[in-house]
Amino acid sequence: MFFFGLVVAIFLGIVFYVAVTGLYTIVGNFVYTMALGVMIYLIAFQAILNDRVLKPDFTTKYNTKKIALNFDEEVIGKLLQLFEDDKVFVDPQLKIAGLAKKVGVTSHHLSRVINDKLNKNFNELMNQYRINEFKARVNDQKYASYSILGIAYDVGYNSKSSFNEAFKKQNGLTPSEYLRSPGQKRAF
């Protein structure tokens, strides 16, 4: 800071000298250029001597990363609570913006957390929970009178095609094939 002040003082001194005398000489310009050059070298030398200028302590400066990681863990906790306890995924109108509002973050932040922490996108997460809920309900006596499509709609799907596509992607079988497979109690 001292050297910066000295550079400014020299510059203002020369400007004042030229303004008062009206003289601008090559010698004066040379002296100014040399003084400025020396000041720049002195500033660079001071920076080299002071490690904190060239190598700041990033661990304290960027300690907010730990806070962000803890916050992301809280977001995941709230998200999983909403999915597992409240079963928000059965709402066919649920969008990431509405879910983000329930979690208390922006939709961009929630999307990033789902991608980074759960290694899937929002739609894949929704489909995973919906299909697992479908599998649980298919074997539940309470839903014995429901058709495959009725249970699919009940767990949040809007169409038969989107349900079949998501189910096959996750299980490698269509819902009908899955229900006919060994170990399944229910047959339609």
Protein backbone atom coordinates (compact mmCIF):
# COMPACT_ATOMS: atom_id res chain seq x y z
CA MET A 1 0.00 0.00 0.00
CA PHE A 2 2.90 2.32 0.82
CA PHE A 3 4.46 1.84 -2.62
CA PHE A 4 1.16 2.42 -4.40
CA GLY A 5 0.82 5.68 -2.49
CA LEU A 6 4.36 6.64 -3.48
CA VAL A 7 3.60 5.99 -7.18
CA VAL A 8 0.47 8.14 -6.96
CA ALA A 9 2.41 10.90 -5.17
CA ILE A 10 5.14 10.94 -7.86
CA PHE A 11 2.56 11.00 -10.64
CA LEU A 12 0.61 13.84 -9.01
CA GLY A 13 3.88 15.72 -8.38
CA ILE A 14 4.82 15.58 -12.05
CA VAL A 15 1.31 16.56 -13.15
CA PHE A 16 1.42 19.51 -10.73
CA TYR A 17 4.93 20.54 -11.94
CA VAL A 18 3.84 20.47 -15.59
CA ALA A 19 0.61 22.36 -14.79
CA VAL A 20 2.40 25.13 -12.83
CA THR A 21 5.46 25.61 -15.02
CA GLY A 22 3.94 24.65 -18.33
CA LEU A 23 7.14 22.76 -19.07
CA TYR A 24 7.11 19.25 -20.29
CA THR A 25 10.55 17.90 -20.93
CA ILE A 26 11.93 14.64 -22.11
CA VAL A 27 14.17 14.56 -19.04
CA GLY A 28 11.13 14.94 -16.77
CA ASN A 29 9.35 12.16 -18.64
CA PHE A 30 12.46 9.96 -18.32
CA VAL A 31 12.69 10.63 -14.56
CA TYR A 32 8.99 9.85 -14.14
CA THR A 33 9.27 6.61 -16.17
CA MET A 34 12.31 5.48 -14.19
CA ALA A 35 10.64 6.27 -10.85
CA LEU A 36 7.54 4.44 -11.90
CA GLY A 37 9.58 1.42 -13.06
CA VAL A 38 11.48 1.30 -9.76
CA MET A 39 8.20 1.46 -7.84
CA ILE A 40 6.74 -1.41 -9.88
CA TYR A 41 9.82 -3.54 -9.23
CA LEU A 42 9.65 -2.72 -5.52
CA ILE A 43 5.98 -3.72 -5.41
CA ALA A 44 6.79 -7.01 -7.19
CA PHE A 45 9.71 -7.64 -4.80
CA GLN A 46 7.42 -7.06 -1.79
CA ALA A 47 4.90 -9.49 -3.26
CA ILE A 48 7.57 -12.16 -3.64
CA LEU A 49 8.70 -11.67 -0.03
CA ASN A 50 5.13 -11.88 1.28
CA ASP A 51 3.87 -15.45 0.67
CA ARG A 52 0.28 -14.57 1.46
CA VAL A 53 0.06 -12.26 -1.56
CA LEU A 54 1.11 -14.89 -4.08
CA LYS A 55 -0.15 -17.98 -2.20
CA PRO A 56 -3.20 -17.02 -0.18
CA ASP A 57 -4.56 -19.46 2.38
CA PHE A 58 -7.33 -21.04 0.33
CA THR A 59 -8.40 -23.34 3.15
CA THR A 60 -9.75 -20.47 5.19
CA LYS A 61 -10.92 -18.46 2.20
CA TYR A 62 -12.94 -21.33 0.76
CA ASN A 63 -14.12 -22.89 4.01
CA THR A 64 -17.67 -22.19 2.83
CA LYS A 65 -17.38 -25.39 0.74
CA LYS A 66 -17.73 -27.41 3.97
CA ILE A 67 -20.81 -25.38 4.86
CA ALA A 68 -22.25 -26.02 1.40
CA LEU A 69 -21.58 -29.76 1.74
CA ASN A 70 -23.38 -29.83 5.09
CA PHE A 71 -26.26 -27.85 3.57
CA ASP A 72 -26.46 -30.29 0.66
CA GLU A 73 -26.67 -33.16 3.14
CA GLU A 74 -29.58 -31.37 4.84
CA VAL A 75 -31.26 -30.92 1.45
CA ILE A 76 -30.86 -34.65 0.71
CA GLY A 77 -32.28 -35.45 4.15
CA LYS A 78 -35.36 -33.27 3.57
CA LEU A 79 -35.78 -34.65 0.06
CA LEU A 80 -35.64 -38.27 1.16
CA GLN A 81 -38.02 -37.55 4.03
CA LEU A 82 -40.50 -36.05 1.55
CA PHE A 83 -40.16 -39.08 -0.74
CA GLU A 84 -40.09 -41.86 1.83
CA ASP A 85 -42.40 -40.54 4.56
CA ASP A 86 -44.72 -38.12 2.76
CA LYS A 87 -44.64 -39.93 -0.62
CA VAL A 88 -44.77 -36.66 -2.56
CA PHE A 89 -43.91 -38.55 -5.75
CA VAL A 90 -47.50 -39.86 -6.06
CA ASP A 91 -48.61 -36.36 -7.07
CA PRO A 92 -48.74 -36.53 -10.89
CA GLN A 93 -48.42 -32.72 -11.08
CA LEU A 94 -45.22 -32.59 -9.00
CA LYS A 95 -42.45 -30.69 -10.76
CA ILE A 96 -38.95 -29.93 -9.55
CA ALA A 97 -39.93 -26.31 -8.79
CA GLY A 98 -42.70 -27.44 -6.44
CA LEU A 99 -40.44 -29.98 -4.76
CA ALA A 100 -37.67 -27.39 -4.38
CA LYS A 101 -40.15 -25.07 -2.68
CA LYS A 102 -41.06 -27.83 -0.21
CA VAL A 103 -37.37 -28.49 0.48
CA GLY A 104 -36.62 -24.76 0.79
CA VAL A 105 -34.10 -24.32 -2.01
CA THR A 106 -34.13 -23.18 -5.63
CA SER A 107 -34.98 -25.70 -8.32
CA HIS A 108 -31.48 -25.27 -9.78
CA HIS A 109 -29.88 -26.09 -6.43
CA LEU A 110 -32.14 -29.11 -5.89
CA SER A 111 -31.40 -30.40 -9.38
CA ARG A 112 -27.65 -30.05 -8.78
CA VAL A 113 -27.87 -31.84 -5.43
CA ILE A 114 -29.91 -34.71 -6.91
CA ASN A 115 -27.43 -35.06 -9.79
CA ASP A 116 -24.31 -34.80 -7.60
CA LYS A 117 -25.40 -36.73 -4.51
CA LEU A 118 -27.82 -39.31 -5.90
CA ASN A 119 -26.21 -39.71 -9.35
CA LYS A 120 -29.51 -39.39 -11.21
CA ASN A 121 -31.73 -36.66 -12.54
CA PHE A 122 -35.09 -35.57 -11.12
CA ASN A 123 -37.16 -37.74 -13.50
CA GLU A 124 -35.07 -40.84 -12.77
CA LEU A 125 -35.54 -40.26 -9.04
CA MET A 126 -39.29 -39.84 -9.44
CA ASN A 127 -39.53 -42.99 -11.58
CA GLN A 128 -37.46 -45.00 -9.11
CA TYR A 129 -39.77 -44.14 -6.21
CA ARG A 130 -42.94 -44.53 -8.25
CA ILE A 131 -41.95 -47.94 -9.57
CA ASN A 132 -40.87 -49.16 -6.13
CA GLU A 133 -44.21 -47.97 -4.77
CA PHE A 134 -45.98 -49.75 -7.63
CA LYS A 135 -44.17 -52.99 -6.73
CA ALA A 136 -45.15 -52.62 -3.08
CA ARG A 137 -48.80 -51.92 -3.91
CA VAL A 138 -49.10 -54.71 -6.43
CA ASN A 139 -48.48 -57.22 -3.62
CA ASP A 140 -50.60 -55.37 -1.06
CA GLN A 141 -54.05 -56.89 -0.47
CA LYS A 142 -55.47 -53.38 -0.11
CA TYR A 143 -54.90 -52.84 -3.86
CA ALA A 144 -56.10 -56.27 -5.01
CA SER A 145 -59.03 -54.78 -6.91
CA TYR A 146 -56.83 -52.30 -8.82
CA SER A 147 -55.60 -52.97 -12.34
CA ILE A 148 -51.96 -52.50 -13.31
CA LEU A 149 -52.84 -49.18 -14.90
CA GLY A 150 -54.92 -48.16 -11.87
CA ILE A 151 -51.96 -48.67 -9.56
CA ALA A 152 -49.68 -46.87 -12.03
CA TYR A 153 -51.98 -43.85 -12.00
CA ASP A 154 -52.24 -44.09 -8.22
CA VAL A 155 -48.45 -43.86 -7.81
CA GLY A 156 -48.23 -40.73 -9.95
CA TYR A 157 -48.01 -41.68 -13.61
CA ASN A 158 -50.14 -39.76 -16.12
CA SER A 159 -50.02 -42.26 -18.95
CA LYS A 160 -49.63 -45.96 -19.59
CA SER A 161 -46.78 -45.42 -22.05
CA SER A 162 -44.64 -43.35 -19.67
CA PHE A 163 -45.22 -45.93 -16.92
CA ASN A 164 -44.35 -48.89 -19.17
CA GLU A 165 -41.25 -47.14 -20.52
CA ALA A 166 -39.95 -46.19 -17.05
CA PHE A 167 -40.75 -49.64 -15.64
CA LYS A 168 -38.94 -51.46 -18.44
CA LYS A 169 -35.95 -49.12 -18.19
CA GLN A 170 -35.61 -49.79 -14.46
CA ASN A 171 -36.42 -53.53 -14.42
CA GLY A 172 -35.70 -54.83 -17.91
CA LEU A 173 -39.26 -56.20 -18.05
CA THR A 174 -42.67 -54.78 -18.83
CA PRO A 175 -45.03 -54.56 -15.85
CA SER A 176 -47.00 -57.59 -17.13
CA GLU A 177 -43.83 -59.64 -17.58
CA TYR A 178 -42.70 -58.62 -14.12
CA LEU A 179 -46.00 -59.74 -12.57
CA ARG A 180 -45.81 -63.10 -14.35
CA SER A 181 -42.26 -63.68 -13.15
CA PRO A 182 -41.58 -66.24 -10.39
CA GLY A 183 -41.98 -64.91 -6.89
CA GLN A 184 -44.85 -62.56 -7.66
CA LYS A 185 -48.10 -63.32 -5.86
CA ARG A 186 -50.46 -61.39 -8.03
CA ALA A 187 -51.54 -62.30 -11.55
CA PHE A 188 -53.88 -60.23 -13.70
